[in-house]
């Protein structure tokens, strides 16, 4: 695991499900499952993505939902 984020600030599965549902409310044409997968990847560092704490991951995900297509959401900015 390639992480420097403490486990207590990582996104839980319940938080990921709720955030994905919220994003789908903003963008009804999107599907929740790929969003949950992205959130899990950024929570556990799978797929070589950067691990982010829950607040940063939530902020970036919601910001991208307002400005991106679902395809662009698959790579959240790391800066």
Protein backbone atom coordinates (compact mmCIF):
# COMPACT_ATOMS: atom_id res chain seq x y z
CA UNK A 1 0.00 0.00 0.00
CA UNK A 2 1.45 3.37 -1.02
CA UNK A 3 -0.08 5.56 1.63
CA UNK A 4 0.84 8.36 3.95
CA UNK A 5 -2.78 9.05 4.94
CA UNK A 6 -3.75 7.78 8.38
CA UNK A 7 -6.44 5.13 8.28
CA UNK A 8 -8.79 7.21 10.44
CA UNK A 9 -9.06 9.91 7.75
CA UNK A 10 -9.72 7.54 4.86
CA UNK A 11 -13.13 7.29 3.26
CA UNK A 12 -15.29 4.44 4.54
CA UNK A 13 -17.41 2.32 2.22
CA UNK A 14 -20.55 3.98 3.61
CA UNK A 15 -19.12 7.43 2.87
CA UNK A 16 -18.15 6.33 -0.64
CA UNK A 17 -21.66 5.03 -1.33
CA UNK A 18 -23.23 8.27 -0.07
CA UNK A 19 -20.82 10.47 -2.02
CA UNK A 20 -21.36 8.47 -5.21
CA UNK A 21 -25.14 8.82 -4.74
CA UNK A 22 -24.73 12.58 -4.27
CA UNK A 23 -22.63 12.87 -7.42
CA UNK A 24 -25.26 10.95 -9.38
CA UNK A 25 -27.85 13.45 -8.14
CA UNK A 26 -25.71 16.25 -9.60
CA UNK A 27 -25.01 14.29 -12.81
CA UNK A 28 -27.91 11.84 -13.30
CA UNK A 29 -26.40 10.60 -16.56
CA UNK A 30 -23.45 9.14 -14.63
CA UNK A 31 -23.34 5.71 -13.01
CA UNK A 32 -22.53 5.30 -9.31
CA UNK A 33 -20.47 2.09 -9.50
CA UNK A 34 -17.46 3.60 -11.36
CA UNK A 35 -17.49 6.55 -8.97
CA UNK A 36 -17.41 4.22 -5.95
CA UNK A 37 -14.55 2.33 -7.59
CA UNK A 38 -12.61 5.56 -8.04
CA UNK A 39 -13.24 6.57 -4.44
CA UNK A 40 -12.05 3.16 -3.22
CA UNK A 41 -8.91 3.41 -5.38
CA UNK A 42 -8.06 6.78 -3.85
CA UNK A 43 -8.82 5.42 -0.37
CA UNK A 44 -6.59 2.34 -0.60
CA UNK A 45 -4.07 3.36 -3.26
CA UNK A 46 -5.08 0.66 -5.71
CA UNK A 47 -4.38 1.11 -9.39
CA UNK A 48 -1.41 3.34 -8.66
CA UNK A 49 -3.52 6.37 -7.72
CA UNK A 50 -2.71 8.80 -4.94
CA UNK A 51 -4.25 8.06 -1.55
CA UNK A 52 -6.27 11.06 -0.33
CA UNK A 53 -7.89 11.84 2.99
CA UNK A 54 -11.67 11.85 3.13
CA UNK A 55 -12.11 15.65 3.07
CA UNK A 56 -9.80 16.18 0.10
CA UNK A 57 -11.27 13.26 -1.83
CA UNK A 58 -14.80 14.54 -1.20
CA UNK A 59 -13.89 18.09 -2.23
CA UNK A 60 -12.20 17.03 -5.45
CA UNK A 61 -14.92 14.55 -6.39
CA UNK A 62 -17.72 17.10 -5.99
CA UNK A 63 -15.71 19.78 -7.84
CA UNK A 64 -15.07 17.39 -10.72
CA UNK A 65 -18.75 16.42 -10.82
CA UNK A 66 -19.64 20.03 -11.51
CA UNK A 67 -16.96 20.53 -14.17
CA UNK A 68 -16.18 17.19 -15.86
CA UNK A 69 -17.54 14.32 -17.83
CA UNK A 70 -17.60 10.94 -16.13
CA UNK A 71 -14.64 9.84 -18.26
CA UNK A 72 -12.60 12.78 -16.95
CA UNK A 73 -13.59 11.92 -13.38
CA UNK A 74 -11.65 8.65 -13.61
CA UNK A 75 -8.47 10.66 -12.91
CA UNK A 76 -8.93 13.16 -10.10
CA UNK A 77 -6.30 15.89 -10.00
CA UNK A 78 -3.57 15.26 -7.47
CA UNK A 79 -2.58 18.88 -6.94
